[in-house]
C-alpha atoms as a PDB file:
ATOM      1  CA  MET A   1      -9.557   1.815  34.496  1.00  0.00           C
ATOM      2  CA  VAL A   2      -8.057   4.748  36.973  1.00  0.00           C
ATOM      3  CA  ILE A   3      -9.923   7.339  39.107  1.00  0.00           C
ATOM      4  CA  GLY A   4      -8.249  10.370  40.553  1.00  0.00           C
ATOM      5  CA  ASN A   5      -8.901  12.807  43.256  1.00  0.00           C
ATOM      6  CA  THR A   6      -9.045  16.682  43.010  1.00  0.00           C
ATOM      7  CA  CYS A   7      -7.576  19.495  45.266  1.00  0.00           C
ATOM      8  CA  ARG A   8      -7.297  23.239  45.210  1.00  0.00           C
ATOM      9  CA  PHE A   9      -4.380  24.997  44.786  1.00  0.00           C
ATOM     10  CA  LEU A  10      -4.448  28.905  44.384  1.00  0.00           C
ATOM     11  CA  GLY A  11      -8.289  28.578  44.720  1.00  0.00           C
ATOM     12  CA  ARG A  12      -8.355  26.435  41.564  1.00  0.00           C
ATOM     13  CA  PRO A  13      -9.291  22.322  41.003  1.00  0.00           C
ATOM     14  CA  ARG A  14      -6.432  20.541  40.037  1.00  0.00           C
ATOM     15  CA  PHE A  15      -6.583  16.906  39.056  1.00  0.00           C
ATOM     16  CA  SER A  16      -4.035  14.892  41.172  1.00  0.00           C
ATOM     17  CA  VAL A  17      -2.348  11.212  41.515  1.00  0.00           C
ATOM     18  CA  VAL A  18      -4.248   8.650  39.734  1.00  0.00           C
ATOM     19  CA  HIS A  19      -5.119   5.183  41.064  1.00  0.00           C
ATOM     20  CA  PRO A  20      -5.508   2.098  39.609  1.00  0.00           C
ATOM     21  CA  LEU A  21      -8.735  -0.068  40.251  1.00  0.00           C
ATOM     22  CA  ALA A  22      -8.134  -3.052  37.941  1.00  0.00           C
ATOM     23  CA  ARG A  23      -5.934  -3.952  35.257  1.00  0.00           C
ATOM     24  CA  LEU A  24      -7.970  -5.763  32.273  1.00  0.00           C
ATOM     25  CA  PHE A  25      -6.270  -8.311  31.241  1.00  0.00           C
ATOM     26  CA  THR A  26      -2.404 -10.124  31.677  1.00  0.00           C
ATOM     27  CA  SER A  27      -0.935 -12.676  29.770  1.00  0.00           C
ATOM     28  CA  SER A  28      -2.165 -15.144  32.127  1.00  0.00           C
ATOM     29  CA  ASN A  29      -5.695 -14.858  32.137  1.00  0.00           C
ATOM     30  CA  MET A  30      -5.686 -13.830  28.705  1.00  0.00           C
ATOM     31  CA  ALA A  31      -4.850 -17.060  27.714  1.00  0.00           C
ATOM     32  CA  LYS A  32      -8.062 -18.915  29.680  1.00  0.00           C
ATOM     33  CA  SER A  33     -10.253 -16.139  28.468  1.00  0.00           C
ATOM     34  CA  LYS A  34     -13.152 -16.378  25.828  1.00  0.00           C
ATOM     35  CA  PHE A  35     -10.382 -14.641  23.507  1.00  0.00           C
ATOM     36  CA  GLU A  36      -7.982 -17.827  23.588  1.00  0.00           C
ATOM     37  CA  TYR A  37      -9.813 -18.889  20.079  1.00  0.00           C
ATOM     38  CA  VAL A  38      -7.586 -16.459  18.129  1.00  0.00           C
ATOM     39  CA  ARG A  39      -4.632 -18.917  18.447  1.00  0.00           C
ATOM     40  CA  ASN A  40      -6.378 -21.474  15.651  1.00  0.00           C
ATOM     41  CA  PHE A  41      -5.479 -18.476  13.459  1.00  0.00           C
ATOM     42  CA  GLU A  42      -2.180 -19.001  13.680  1.00  0.00           C
ATOM     43  CA  THR A  43      -0.352 -21.321  11.045  1.00  0.00           C
ATOM     44  CA  ASP A  44       1.960 -24.184  11.844  1.00  0.00           C
ATOM     45  CA  ASP A  45       5.509 -23.885  10.363  1.00  0.00           C
ATOM     46  CA  THR A  46       7.729 -25.996  11.810  1.00  0.00           C
ATOM     47  CA  CYS A  47      10.310 -27.310   9.260  1.00  0.00           C
ATOM     48  CA  LEU A  48      10.357 -30.782   8.328  1.00  0.00           C
ATOM     49  CA  ARG A  49      12.573 -32.755  10.589  1.00  0.00           C
ATOM     50  CA  ASN A  50      15.964 -34.380   9.614  1.00  0.00           C
ATOM     51  CA  CYS A  51      16.656 -31.567   6.859  1.00  0.00           C
ATOM     52  CA  TYR A  52      19.398 -28.576   6.556  1.00  0.00           C
ATOM     53  CA  ILE A  53      17.536 -25.418   7.085  1.00  0.00           C
ATOM     54  CA  VAL A  54      18.694 -22.349   4.993  1.00  0.00           C
ATOM     55  CA  VAL A  55      17.661 -19.192   4.947  1.00  0.00           C
ATOM     56  CA  ARG A  56      18.320 -16.866   2.314  1.00  0.00           C
ATOM     57  CA  LEU A  57      18.557 -13.234   2.620  1.00  0.00           C
ATOM     58  CA  ASP A  58      18.776 -10.803  -0.239  1.00  0.00           C
ATOM     59  CA  GLY A  59      19.089  -7.373   0.184  1.00  0.00           C
ATOM     60  CA  ARG A  60      15.619  -5.007  -1.088  1.00  0.00           C
ATOM     61  CA  ASN A  61      16.511  -2.556  -3.574  1.00  0.00           C
ATOM     62  CA  PHE A  62      20.203  -2.764  -3.576  1.00  0.00           C
ATOM     63  CA  HIS A  63      20.959  -1.211  -6.872  1.00  0.00           C
ATOM     64  CA  ARG A  64      19.528   1.913  -5.785  1.00  0.00           C
ATOM     65  CA  PHE A  65      21.407   1.346  -2.527  1.00  0.00           C
ATOM     66  CA  ALA A  66      24.502   0.905  -3.842  1.00  0.00           C
ATOM     67  CA  GLY A  67      24.152   4.082  -6.132  1.00  0.00           C
ATOM     68  CA  GLN A  68      23.392   6.370  -3.560  1.00  0.00           C
ATOM     69  CA  HIS A  69      26.651   5.148  -1.334  1.00  0.00           C
ATOM     70  CA  LYS A  70      28.812   4.880  -3.816  1.00  0.00           C
ATOM     71  CA  PHE A  71      30.123   1.645  -4.299  1.00  0.00           C
ATOM     72  CA  THR A  72      33.083   0.851  -6.217  1.00  0.00           C
ATOM     73  CA  LYS A  73      32.056  -0.875  -9.093  1.00  0.00           C
ATOM     74  CA  PRO A  74      32.321  -3.618 -10.025  1.00  0.00           C
ATOM     75  CA  ASN A  75      33.022  -4.721  -6.703  1.00  0.00           C
ATOM     76  CA  ASP A  76      33.253  -2.885  -3.549  1.00  0.00           C
ATOM     77  CA  ASN A  77      35.796  -4.510  -0.834  1.00  0.00           C
ATOM     78  CA  ARG A  78      34.114  -2.456   1.811  1.00  0.00           C
ATOM     79  CA  ALA A  79      30.647  -3.394   0.933  1.00  0.00           C
ATOM     80  CA  LEU A  80      31.456  -6.987   0.509  1.00  0.00           C
ATOM     81  CA  GLY A  81      33.937  -6.729   4.336  1.00  0.00           C
ATOM     82  CA  LEU A  82      30.357  -5.756   5.857  1.00  0.00           C
ATOM     83  CA  MET A  83      28.146  -8.028   4.362  1.00  0.00           C
ATOM     84  CA  SER A  84      30.847 -10.801   6.115  1.00  0.00           C
ATOM     85  CA  ARG A  85      30.937  -9.323   9.177  1.00  0.00           C
ATOM     86  CA  SER A  86      27.216  -9.212   9.545  1.00  0.00           C
ATOM     87  CA  ALA A  87      27.109 -12.830   8.559  1.00  0.00           C
ATOM     88  CA  ARG A  88      29.769 -13.432  11.358  1.00  0.00           C
ATOM     89  CA  SER A  89      27.664 -11.640  14.019  1.00  0.00           C
ATOM     90  CA  VAL A  90      24.254 -13.956  12.433  1.00  0.00           C
ATOM     91  CA  MET A  91      26.795 -17.019  13.542  1.00  0.00           C
ATOM     92  CA  GLU A  92      27.643 -15.590  16.942  1.00  0.00           C
ATOM     93  CA  GLU A  93      24.718 -15.511  17.595  1.00  0.00           C
ATOM     94  CA  LEU A  94      23.113 -18.463  16.249  1.00  0.00           C
ATOM     95  CA  GLU A  95      25.505 -21.791  16.908  1.00  0.00           C
ATOM     96  CA  ASP A  96      23.384 -24.139  14.971  1.00  0.00           C
ATOM     97  CA  ILE A  97      24.396 -22.279  11.375  1.00  0.00           C
ATOM     98  CA  VAL A  98      27.660 -24.489  10.524  1.00  0.00           C
ATOM     99  CA  ILE A  99      28.495 -22.504   7.256  1.00  0.00           C
ATOM    100  CA  ALA A 100      27.001 -19.277   5.435  1.00  0.00           C
ATOM    101  CA  TYR A 101      27.656 -18.606   1.677  1.00  0.00           C
ATOM    102  CA  GLY A 102      27.392 -14.771   0.318  1.00  0.00           C
ATOM    103  CA  GLN A 103      27.909 -13.186  -2.717  1.00  0.00           C
ATOM    104  CA  SER A 104      27.145  -9.063  -3.592  1.00  0.00           C
ATOM    105  CA  ASP A 105      23.572  -8.548  -1.486  1.00  0.00           C
ATOM    106  CA  GLU A 106      22.526 -11.997  -0.636  1.00  0.00           C
ATOM    107  CA  PHE A 107      23.622 -14.639   2.381  1.00  0.00           C
ATOM    108  CA  SER A 108      22.396 -17.943   2.859  1.00  0.00           C
ATOM    109  CA  PHE A 109      22.607 -19.398   6.504  1.00  0.00           C
ATOM    110  CA  VAL A 110      22.699 -23.249   6.970  1.00  0.00           C
ATOM    111  CA  PHE A 111      21.101 -25.363   9.904  1.00  0.00           C
ATOM    112  CA  LYS A 112      22.410 -28.579  11.171  1.00  0.00           C
ATOM    113  CA  ARG A 113      19.952 -30.880  10.135  1.00  0.00           C
ATOM    114  CA  SER A 114      19.537 -31.961  13.387  1.00  0.00           C
ATOM    115  CA  SER A 115      19.066 -28.263  15.099  1.00  0.00           C
ATOM    116  CA  THR A 116      16.199 -27.289  17.105  1.00  0.00           C
ATOM    117  CA  TRP A 117      16.931 -23.705  17.759  1.00  0.00           C
ATOM    118  CA  PHE A 118      13.077 -21.829  18.326  1.00  0.00           C
ATOM    119  CA  LYS A 119      11.377 -25.491  17.830  1.00  0.00           C
ATOM    120  CA  ARG A 120      12.605 -25.345  14.181  1.00  0.00           C
ATOM    121  CA  ARG A 121      10.082 -22.815  13.241  1.00  0.00           C
ATOM    122  CA  ALA A 122      10.484 -21.211  10.013  1.00  0.00           C
ATOM    123  CA  SER A 123       9.496 -17.720  10.956  1.00  0.00           C
ATOM    124  CA  LYS A 124      11.105 -17.530  14.039  1.00  0.00           C
ATOM    125  CA  LEU A 125      14.552 -18.610  12.392  1.00  0.00           C
ATOM    126  CA  MET A 126      14.157 -16.534   9.389  1.00  0.00           C
ATOM    127  CA  THR A 127      13.040 -13.059  11.224  1.00  0.00           C
ATOM    128  CA  HIS A 128      15.851 -13.504  13.987  1.00  0.00           C
ATOM    129  CA  VAL A 129      18.211 -14.306  10.809  1.00  0.00           C
ATOM    130  CA  ALA A 130      16.947 -11.189   8.947  1.00  0.00           C
ATOM    131  CA  SER A 131      16.938  -8.811  12.579  1.00  0.00           C
ATOM    132  CA  GLN A 132      20.191  -9.865  13.287  1.00  0.00           C
ATOM    133  CA  PHE A 133      21.791  -9.346   9.866  1.00  0.00           C
ATOM    134  CA  SER A 134      20.097  -6.159   9.161  1.00  0.00           C
ATOM    135  CA  SER A 135      21.064  -4.555  12.950  1.00  0.00           C
ATOM    136  CA  SER A 136      24.457  -5.825  12.372  1.00  0.00           C
ATOM    137  CA  TYR A 137      24.750  -4.273   8.660  1.00  0.00           C
ATOM    138  CA  VAL A 138      24.009  -0.929  10.082  1.00  0.00           C
ATOM    139  CA  PHE A 139      25.803  -1.114  13.534  1.00  0.00           C
ATOM    140  CA  TYR A 140      29.380  -2.044  11.350  1.00  0.00           C
ATOM    141  CA  TRP A 141      28.695   0.443   9.009  1.00  0.00           C
ATOM    142  CA  LYS A 142      31.233   3.047   9.989  1.00  0.00           C
ATOM    143  CA  GLU A 143      33.556   0.826  10.115  1.00  0.00           C
ATOM    144  CA  PHE A 144      34.111  -0.291   6.638  1.00  0.00           C
ATOM    145  CA  PHE A 145      32.453   2.971   5.420  1.00  0.00           C
ATOM    146  CA  GLU A 146      34.356   5.612   7.697  1.00  0.00           C
ATOM    147  CA  ASP A 147      33.653   9.190   5.058  1.00  0.00           C
ATOM    148  CA  GLN A 148      30.469   7.618   3.813  1.00  0.00           C
ATOM    149  CA  PRO A 149      27.353   8.552   5.678  1.00  0.00           C
ATOM    150  CA  LEU A 150      24.550   5.701   6.200  1.00  0.00           C
ATOM    151  CA  LEU A 151      22.000   8.208   4.236  1.00  0.00           C
ATOM    152  CA  TYR A 152      19.069   5.486   5.192  1.00  0.00           C
ATOM    153  CA  PRO A 153      18.281   2.331   6.487  1.00  0.00           C
ATOM    154  CA  PRO A 154      19.040  -1.323   4.282  1.00  0.00           C
ATOM    155  CA  SER A 155      16.150  -3.553   4.430  1.00  0.00           C
ATOM    156  CA  PHE A 156      16.494  -7.394   3.749  1.00  0.00           C
ATOM    157  CA  ASP A 157      14.041  -9.646   2.712  1.00  0.00           C
ATOM    158  CA  GLY A 158      14.356 -14.019   3.332  1.00  0.00           C
ATOM    159  CA  ARG A 159      13.455 -16.990   2.843  1.00  0.00           C
ATOM    160  CA  VAL A 160      13.404 -20.662   3.879  1.00  0.00           C
ATOM    161  CA  VAL A 161      14.494 -23.567   2.052  1.00  0.00           C
ATOM    162  CA  LEU A 162      14.721 -27.426   2.944  1.00  0.00           C
ATOM    163  CA  TYR A 163      17.250 -29.721   1.918  1.00  0.00           C
ATOM    164  CA  PRO A 164      17.716 -33.539   2.969  1.00  0.00           C
ATOM    165  CA  THR A 165      20.164 -34.533   2.162  1.00  0.00           C
ATOM    166  CA  ASN A 166      24.258 -33.414   2.061  1.00  0.00           C
ATOM    167  CA  ARG A 167      24.009 -33.519  -1.906  1.00  0.00           C
ATOM    168  CA  ASN A 168      20.749 -31.085  -1.751  1.00  0.00           C
ATOM    169  CA  LEU A 169      23.300 -28.913   0.456  1.00  0.00           C
ATOM    170  CA  LYS A 170      26.379 -29.350  -1.541  1.00  0.00           C
ATOM    171  CA  ASP A 171      24.130 -28.781  -4.856  1.00  0.00           C
ATOM    172  CA  TYR A 172      22.426 -25.663  -3.355  1.00  0.00           C
ATOM    173  CA  LEU A 173      25.927 -23.871  -2.502  1.00  0.00           C
ATOM    174  CA  SER A 174      27.198 -25.266  -5.861  1.00  0.00           C
ATOM    175  CA  TRP A 175      24.681 -23.287  -7.528  1.00  0.00           C
ATOM    176  CA  ARG A 176      25.031 -19.989  -5.429  1.00  0.00           C
ATOM    177  CA  GLN A 177      28.705 -20.061  -6.473  1.00  0.00           C
ATOM    178  CA  ALA A 178      28.336 -20.675  -9.972  1.00  0.00           C
ATOM    179  CA  ASP A 179      25.787 -17.929 -10.238  1.00  0.00           C
ATOM    180  CA  CYS A 180      28.566 -15.781  -8.568  1.00  0.00           C
ATOM    181  CA  HIS A 181      31.094 -16.650 -11.138  1.00  0.00           C
ATOM    182  CA  VAL A 182      28.646 -16.201 -13.933  1.00  0.00           C
ATOM    183  CA  ASN A 183      27.645 -12.306 -12.324  1.00  0.00           C
ATOM    184  CA  ASN A 184      31.137 -11.349 -11.664  1.00  0.00           C
ATOM    185  CA  LEU A 185      32.690 -11.923 -15.210  1.00  0.00           C
ATOM    186  CA  TYR A 186      29.669 -10.380 -16.781  1.00  0.00           C
ATOM    187  CA  ASN A 187      30.077  -7.156 -14.139  1.00  0.00           C
ATOM    188  CA  THR A 188      33.842  -7.272 -14.519  1.00  0.00           C
ATOM    189  CA  VAL A 189      33.611  -6.990 -18.425  1.00  0.00           C
ATOM    190  CA  PHE A 190      30.813  -4.602 -18.244  1.00  0.00           C
ATOM    191  CA  TRP A 191      32.501  -2.065 -16.506  1.00  0.00           C
ATOM    192  CA  THR A 192      35.820  -2.523 -17.734  1.00  0.00           C
ATOM    193  CA  LEU A 193      33.932  -1.368 -20.895  1.00  0.00           C
ATOM    194  CA  VAL A 194      32.752   1.664 -19.368  1.00  0.00           C
ATOM    195  CA  GLN A 195      35.646   2.623 -17.225  1.00  0.00           C
ATOM    196  CA  LYS A 196      38.466   2.098 -19.721  1.00  0.00           C
ATOM    197  CA  GLY A 197      36.834   1.405 -22.638  1.00  0.00           C
ATOM    198  CA  GLY A 198      34.736   4.877 -22.922  1.00  0.00           C
ATOM    199  CA  LEU A 199      31.437   2.979 -23.607  1.00  0.00           C
ATOM    200  CA  THR A 200      28.092   4.361 -22.065  1.00  0.00           C
ATOM    201  CA  THR A 201      26.572   2.056 -19.910  1.00  0.00           C
ATOM    202  CA  ALA A 202      23.404   1.273 -22.408  1.00  0.00           C
ATOM    203  CA  GLN A 203      26.514   0.663 -24.975  1.00  0.00           C
ATOM    204  CA  ALA A 204      28.289  -1.698 -23.017  1.00  0.00           C
ATOM    205  CA  GLU A 205      24.960  -3.693 -22.145  1.00  0.00           C
ATOM    206  CA  ASP A 206      24.723  -4.345 -25.975  1.00  0.00           C
ATOM    207  CA  ARG A 207      27.979  -4.892 -26.492  1.00  0.00           C
ATOM    208  CA  LEU A 208      27.355  -7.888 -23.917  1.00  0.00           C
ATOM    209  CA  LYS A 209      24.243  -8.831 -25.585  1.00  0.00           C
ATOM    210  CA  ARG A 210      25.669  -9.451 -29.055  1.00  0.00           C
ATOM    211  CA  GLU A 211      28.772 -11.270 -27.624  1.00  0.00           C
ATOM    212  CA  GLU A 212      27.176 -13.112 -24.864  1.00  0.00           C
ATOM    213  CA  THR A 213      28.417 -16.494 -25.441  1.00  0.00           C
ATOM    214  CA  VAL A 214      31.866 -15.265 -25.712  1.00  0.00           C
ATOM    215  CA  ILE A 215      31.870 -13.662 -22.159  1.00  0.00           C
ATOM    216  CA  LYS A 216      30.320 -17.188 -20.614  1.00  0.00           C
ATOM    217  CA  ARG A 217      33.245 -19.031 -22.003  1.00  0.00           C
ATOM    218  CA  MET A 218      35.644 -16.081 -20.768  1.00  0.00           C
ATOM    219  CA  LYS A 219      37.792 -16.118 -17.594  1.00  0.00           C
ATOM    220  CA  VAL A 220      39.154 -12.737 -16.562  1.00  0.00           C
ATOM    221  CA  PRO A 221      42.825 -13.140 -15.321  1.00  0.00           C
ATOM    222  CA  GLY A 222      43.637 -11.564 -12.240  1.00  0.00           C
ATOM    223  CA  GLU A 223      40.070 -11.266 -11.305  1.00  0.00           C
ATOM    224  CA  GLU A 224      38.980 -12.771  -7.910  1.00  0.00           C
ATOM    225  CA  GLU A 225      35.697 -14.127  -7.685  1.00  0.00           C
ATOM    226  CA  LYS A 226      34.075 -12.095  -4.787  1.00  0.00           C
ATOM    227  CA  ASP A 227      32.207 -14.174  -2.620  1.00  0.00           C
ATOM    228  CA  VAL A 228      33.051 -15.825   0.779  1.00  0.00           C
ATOM    229  CA  PRO A 229      31.766 -18.621   2.572  1.00  0.00           C
ATOM    230  CA  VAL A 230      31.791 -18.170   6.143  1.00  0.00           C
ATOM    231  CA  THR A 231      32.204 -21.498   8.369  1.00  0.00           C
ATOM    232  CA  SER A 232      32.190 -21.949  11.927  1.00  0.00           C
ATOM    233  CA  SER A 233      34.632 -24.000  14.387  1.00  0.00           C
ATOM    234  CA  ARG A 234      34.483 -24.625  17.898  1.00  0.00           C
ATOM    235  CA  ARG A 235      36.658 -21.680  18.810  1.00  0.00           C
ATOM    236  CA  ARG A 236      35.857 -18.978  16.270  1.00  0.00           C
ATOM    237  CA  VAL A 237      33.690 -18.148  12.900  1.00  0.00           C
ATOM    238  CA  GLN A 238      36.132 -17.999   9.802  1.00  0.00           C
ATOM    239  CA  SER A 239      35.993 -16.391   6.328  1.00  0.00           C
ATOM    240  CA  TYR A 240      37.437 -18.384   3.057  1.00  0.00           C
ATOM    241  CA  HIS A 241      37.683 -17.412  -0.364  1.00  0.00           C
ATOM    242  CA  CYS A 242      37.252 -20.578  -2.062  1.00  0.00           C
ATOM    243  CA  ASP A 243      35.627 -23.146  -3.977  1.00  0.00           C
ATOM    244  CA  ILE A 244      33.051 -25.085  -2.285  1.00  0.00           C
ATOM    245  CA  ILE A 245      31.657 -26.831  -5.814  1.00  0.00           C
ATOM    246  CA  GLY A 246      34.729 -29.390  -5.926  1.00  0.00           C
ATOM    247  CA  ASP A 247      35.518 -31.717  -3.062  1.00  0.00           C
ATOM    248  CA  GLN A 248      38.464 -30.182  -1.226  1.00  0.00           C
ATOM    249  CA  PHE A 249      36.270 -27.560   0.798  1.00  0.00           C
ATOM    250  CA  TRP A 250      34.116 -30.289   2.880  1.00  0.00           C
ATOM    251  CA  GLU A 251      37.186 -32.589   2.918  1.00  0.00           C
ATOM    252  CA  GLU A 252      38.782 -30.013   5.109  1.00  0.00           C
ATOM    253  CA  HIS A 253      35.670 -29.741   6.626  1.00  0.00           C
ATOM    254  CA  PRO A 254      34.283 -32.472   7.890  1.00  0.00           C
ATOM    255  CA  ARG A 255      32.074 -31.197  10.420  1.00  0.00           C
ATOM    256  CA  VAL A 256      30.083 -28.971   8.258  1.00  0.00           C
ATOM    257  CA  LEU A 257      27.916 -31.842   7.177  1.00  0.00           C
ATOM    258  CA  GLU A 258      26.214 -34.518   9.134  1.00  0.00           C
ATOM    259  CA  ASP A 259      25.808 -37.942   8.086  1.00  0.00           C
ATOM    260  CA  ASP A 260      23.011 -38.635   5.707  1.00  0.00           C
ATOM    261  CA  ASP A 261      21.860 -41.620   7.986  1.00  0.00           C
ATOM    262  CA  SER A 262      21.952 -40.436  10.802  1.00  0.00           C
END
């Protein structure tokens, strides 16, 4: 509540400085008020202990976003570089993330099994990762798209999944990389038919449907898989373009995983 005094200026009343009489509520007395019961509506979303916490982000309507911002087909190195840079920003901010894996418009961030960040609350972890990633994507846009203005802000949705064992986590990341391979293979052949074969997008899609079995068995020579695992060391965050389905990556980076019997 406020009250004010009036004064006269050139013969007419004017409203002067207001004086606060009292503050209705503060954060301290709010907790002790009769309204405290509303906290009972909050749900407990604490993640189960001794599990890896995976926060996976996906771009929302990125097919339209890529078209309006003239992304190169089938793979735009600028866009992939920007995704990787945004992921690095997240890992630099949240040190309990031990590895992140990304492809296309998605990225998965793995919190170590013993993490206690944000008291392991799923909503806190997911929203912090999503907001840090989204803001970084906008912040670093000009570094990768110098001549292409950002027409509207992108958005990313997120989910939280728990994996209790090293095998579960490795299988999850292997699943995402296998998905990357299939999508990359399809997109490479699809856009080759359009850009070099002279087919329309509808014709190329129809042809690939008829030859789906053959396409799945193909290996496009010289075409690099467009995915990127990002892992952290004690000194810096590092990016790798490599196979994570096999054992070599995990043998070279033993610090990523914690012992299953810990």
